[in-house]
């Protein structure tokens, strides 16, 4: 009779440990999804700002048409890439970010544009959005790290495999200079 109780207690303890590990995996996955949602919100804000920025710049120059067309096209590609996950979105956002940087650099060649109030407001909005993307990316990547640790470490890896939990993809930029927030990059450039 005593052996039955020992087996029963061990089985209950094992079940409780499995439930705890499973709940930890679910929590990590949901935190990662929440983090991706935050990135999507900021990327949508960025994508919504692009047409106004392109329209503002369009009036100041005519021979930069190919850059304006590229930014508009890349905005659409970046929006679509967000639906395909962090890796694809990261690649598309790097391309869009590079050309947005070139678009912003036009202000240096056109002093009237640099002095335009609507352009300055759009630039301030863009800097704020880029900073928010940086914060959202840090949160998301931390969530991915936590999920990946839970999925790959023992005993979580046993339950993760049994219940179909997958590792998450980090949201990364390809160019190390893009890791700097725009306000920090500007401060370094001005020194």
Protein backbone atom coordinates (compact mmCIF):
# COMPACT_ATOMS: atom_id res chain seq x y z
CA UNK A 1 0.00 0.00 0.00
CA UNK A 2 2.86 2.37 0.83
CA UNK A 3 4.46 1.81 -2.61
CA UNK A 4 1.21 2.85 -4.32
CA UNK A 5 1.22 6.13 -2.39
CA UNK A 6 4.84 6.81 -3.31
CA UNK A 7 4.13 6.14 -6.98
CA UNK A 8 1.01 8.32 -6.82
CA UNK A 9 2.91 11.21 -5.17
CA UNK A 10 5.73 10.96 -7.73
CA UNK A 11 3.19 10.91 -10.58
CA UNK A 12 1.41 13.99 -9.19
CA UNK A 13 4.72 15.83 -8.74
CA UNK A 14 5.74 14.93 -12.29
CA UNK A 15 2.38 16.14 -13.61
CA UNK A 16 2.67 19.43 -11.69
CA UNK A 17 6.20 19.98 -13.02
CA UNK A 18 5.00 19.28 -16.58
CA UNK A 19 2.13 21.74 -16.17
CA UNK A 20 4.53 24.39 -14.87
CA UNK A 21 6.94 23.92 -17.79
CA UNK A 22 4.06 23.92 -20.31
CA UNK A 23 2.66 27.15 -18.83
CA UNK A 24 6.10 28.73 -18.98
CA UNK A 25 6.33 27.83 -22.69
CA UNK A 26 2.88 29.28 -23.35
CA UNK A 27 3.77 32.47 -21.48
CA UNK A 28 7.02 32.89 -23.41
CA UNK A 29 5.28 32.33 -26.74
CA UNK A 30 2.56 34.86 -25.88
CA UNK A 31 5.14 37.41 -24.75
CA UNK A 32 6.95 36.99 -28.08
CA UNK A 33 3.67 37.50 -29.97
CA UNK A 34 2.99 40.62 -27.93
CA UNK A 35 6.47 41.90 -28.78
CA UNK A 36 5.91 41.32 -32.49
CA UNK A 37 2.61 43.16 -32.26
CA UNK A 38 4.47 46.17 -30.84
CA UNK A 39 6.92 46.10 -33.73
CA UNK A 40 4.08 45.86 -36.25
CA UNK A 41 2.38 48.92 -34.74
CA UNK A 42 5.55 51.00 -35.05
CA UNK A 43 6.29 49.74 -38.56
CA UNK A 44 2.74 50.63 -39.61
CA UNK A 45 3.27 54.14 -38.24
CA UNK A 46 6.50 54.36 -40.25
CA UNK A 47 4.82 53.04 -43.39
CA UNK A 48 1.97 55.54 -42.98
CA UNK A 49 4.48 58.40 -42.74
CA UNK A 50 6.28 57.50 -45.99
CA UNK A 51 3.65 58.88 -48.44
CA UNK A 52 3.59 62.27 -46.68
CA UNK A 53 7.38 62.39 -46.66
CA UNK A 54 7.58 61.47 -50.35
CA UNK A 55 4.94 64.06 -51.22
CA UNK A 56 6.76 66.77 -49.27
CA UNK A 57 10.10 66.02 -50.97
CA UNK A 58 8.51 65.64 -54.41
CA UNK A 59 7.80 69.35 -54.66
CA UNK A 60 11.45 70.33 -54.13
CA UNK A 61 13.14 68.24 -56.74
CA UNK A 62 12.28 66.50 -59.95
CA UNK A 63 15.44 64.57 -60.83
CA UNK A 64 15.25 62.35 -57.70
CA UNK A 65 12.19 60.53 -59.07
CA UNK A 66 13.81 57.08 -59.03
CA UNK A 67 14.51 57.37 -55.29
CA UNK A 68 10.93 58.43 -54.60
CA UNK A 69 9.61 55.52 -56.65
CA UNK A 70 11.94 53.11 -54.84
CA UNK A 71 10.81 54.32 -51.40
CA UNK A 72 7.17 53.97 -52.39
CA UNK A 73 7.73 50.46 -53.77
CA UNK A 74 9.77 49.40 -50.75
CA UNK A 75 7.05 50.64 -48.42
CA UNK A 76 4.61 48.22 -50.05
CA UNK A 77 7.14 45.39 -49.91
CA UNK A 78 7.87 46.09 -46.24
CA UNK A 79 4.17 46.05 -45.38
CA UNK A 80 3.76 42.69 -47.09
CA UNK A 81 6.90 41.29 -45.44
CA UNK A 82 5.48 41.95 -41.96
CA UNK A 83 2.91 39.24 -42.64
CA UNK A 84 5.69 36.71 -43.38
CA UNK A 85 7.50 37.07 -40.06
CA UNK A 86 10.43 38.74 -38.39
CA UNK A 87 13.18 37.57 -40.73
CA UNK A 88 11.46 38.74 -43.92
CA UNK A 89 10.27 41.96 -42.27
CA UNK A 90 13.81 42.69 -41.06
CA UNK A 91 15.23 42.39 -44.57
CA UNK A 92 12.52 44.56 -46.13
CA UNK A 93 12.78 47.18 -43.40
CA UNK A 94 16.56 47.41 -43.88
CA UNK A 95 16.07 48.26 -47.56
CA UNK A 96 13.32 50.76 -46.79
CA UNK A 97 15.38 52.31 -43.98
CA UNK A 98 18.40 52.73 -46.23
CA UNK A 99 16.41 54.58 -48.88
CA UNK A 100 14.52 56.62 -46.30
CA UNK A 101 17.94 57.74 -45.10
CA UNK A 102 18.80 58.82 -48.64
CA UNK A 103 15.48 60.65 -48.87
CA UNK A 104 16.24 62.49 -45.64
CA UNK A 105 19.72 63.32 -46.94
CA UNK A 106 18.08 65.25 -49.78
CA UNK A 107 17.39 68.00 -47.27
CA UNK A 108 21.11 68.75 -47.24
CA UNK A 109 21.04 69.40 -50.99
CA UNK A 110 17.88 71.51 -50.85
CA UNK A 111 18.06 74.24 -48.17
CA UNK A 112 14.46 75.29 -48.88
CA UNK A 113 13.32 71.75 -48.10
CA UNK A 114 15.35 71.67 -44.91
CA UNK A 115 13.65 74.91 -43.80
CA UNK A 116 10.13 73.68 -44.70
CA UNK A 117 8.02 73.36 -41.56
CA UNK A 118 6.07 70.31 -42.76
CA UNK A 119 9.33 68.54 -43.68
CA UNK A 120 10.81 69.31 -40.26
CA UNK A 121 7.66 67.96 -38.57
CA UNK A 122 7.80 64.80 -40.69
CA UNK A 123 11.46 64.37 -39.73
CA UNK A 124 10.61 64.76 -36.05
CA UNK A 125 7.86 62.17 -36.43
CA UNK A 126 10.22 59.83 -38.24
CA UNK A 127 12.87 60.14 -35.51
CA UNK A 128 10.26 59.38 -32.85
CA UNK A 129 8.98 56.36 -34.79
CA UNK A 130 12.49 55.03 -35.37
CA UNK A 131 13.21 55.33 -31.65
CA UNK A 132 9.98 53.44 -30.87
CA UNK A 133 10.92 50.72 -33.37
CA UNK A 134 14.24 50.34 -31.54
CA UNK A 135 12.45 49.93 -28.19
CA UNK A 136 9.92 47.50 -29.64
CA UNK A 137 12.67 45.47 -31.30
CA UNK A 138 14.58 45.18 -28.04
CA UNK A 139 11.47 43.94 -26.22
CA UNK A 140 10.60 41.50 -28.99
CA UNK A 141 14.13 40.12 -29.28
CA UNK A 142 14.26 39.65 -25.50
CA UNK A 143 10.99 37.74 -25.71
CA UNK A 144 12.35 35.59 -28.54
CA UNK A 145 15.47 34.87 -26.49
CA UNK A 146 13.34 33.78 -23.51
CA UNK A 147 11.15 31.55 -25.69
CA UNK A 148 14.14 30.00 -27.43
CA UNK A 149 15.78 29.29 -24.06
CA UNK A 150 12.61 27.62 -22.82
CA UNK A 151 12.20 25.58 -26.02
CA UNK A 152 15.83 24.44 -26.14
CA UNK A 153 16.56 23.74 -22.47
CA UNK A 154 15.70 20.62 -20.52
CA UNK A 155 12.95 19.65 -19.61
CA UNK A 156 11.18 22.30 -21.68
CA UNK A 157 12.56 20.83 -24.89
CA UNK A 158 10.67 17.59 -24.24
CA UNK A 159 7.33 19.32 -23.81
CA UNK A 160 8.07 21.83 -26.58
CA UNK A 161 8.62 19.01 -29.05
CA UNK A 162 5.54 17.13 -27.83
CA UNK A 163 3.26 20.18 -28.08
CA UNK A 164 4.74 21.76 -31.20
CA UNK A 165 6.38 24.86 -29.70
CA UNK A 166 8.83 26.42 -32.16
CA UNK A 167 11.80 28.72 -31.70
CA UNK A 168 11.19 32.34 -32.63
CA UNK A 169 13.10 34.43 -35.18
CA UNK A 170 14.92 37.56 -34.06
CA UNK A 171 14.07 40.87 -35.73
CA UNK A 172 17.49 42.03 -36.86
CA UNK A 173 18.94 44.72 -39.03
CA UNK A 174 21.74 43.80 -41.41
CA UNK A 175 23.76 46.98 -41.16
CA UNK A 176 25.34 47.68 -37.76
CA UNK A 177 24.97 51.45 -38.26
CA UNK A 178 21.20 50.98 -38.45
CA UNK A 179 21.26 49.70 -34.86
CA UNK A 180 21.83 53.24 -33.65
CA UNK A 181 18.69 55.16 -32.93
CA UNK A 182 18.25 58.13 -35.28
CA UNK A 183 18.60 60.66 -32.46
CA UNK A 184 21.86 59.06 -31.28
CA UNK A 185 23.16 58.78 -34.83
CA UNK A 186 22.39 62.48 -35.40
CA UNK A 187 24.11 63.46 -32.16
CA UNK A 188 27.23 61.50 -33.17
CA UNK A 189 27.18 63.03 -36.64
CA UNK A 190 26.92 66.58 -35.26
CA UNK A 191 30.00 66.16 -33.04
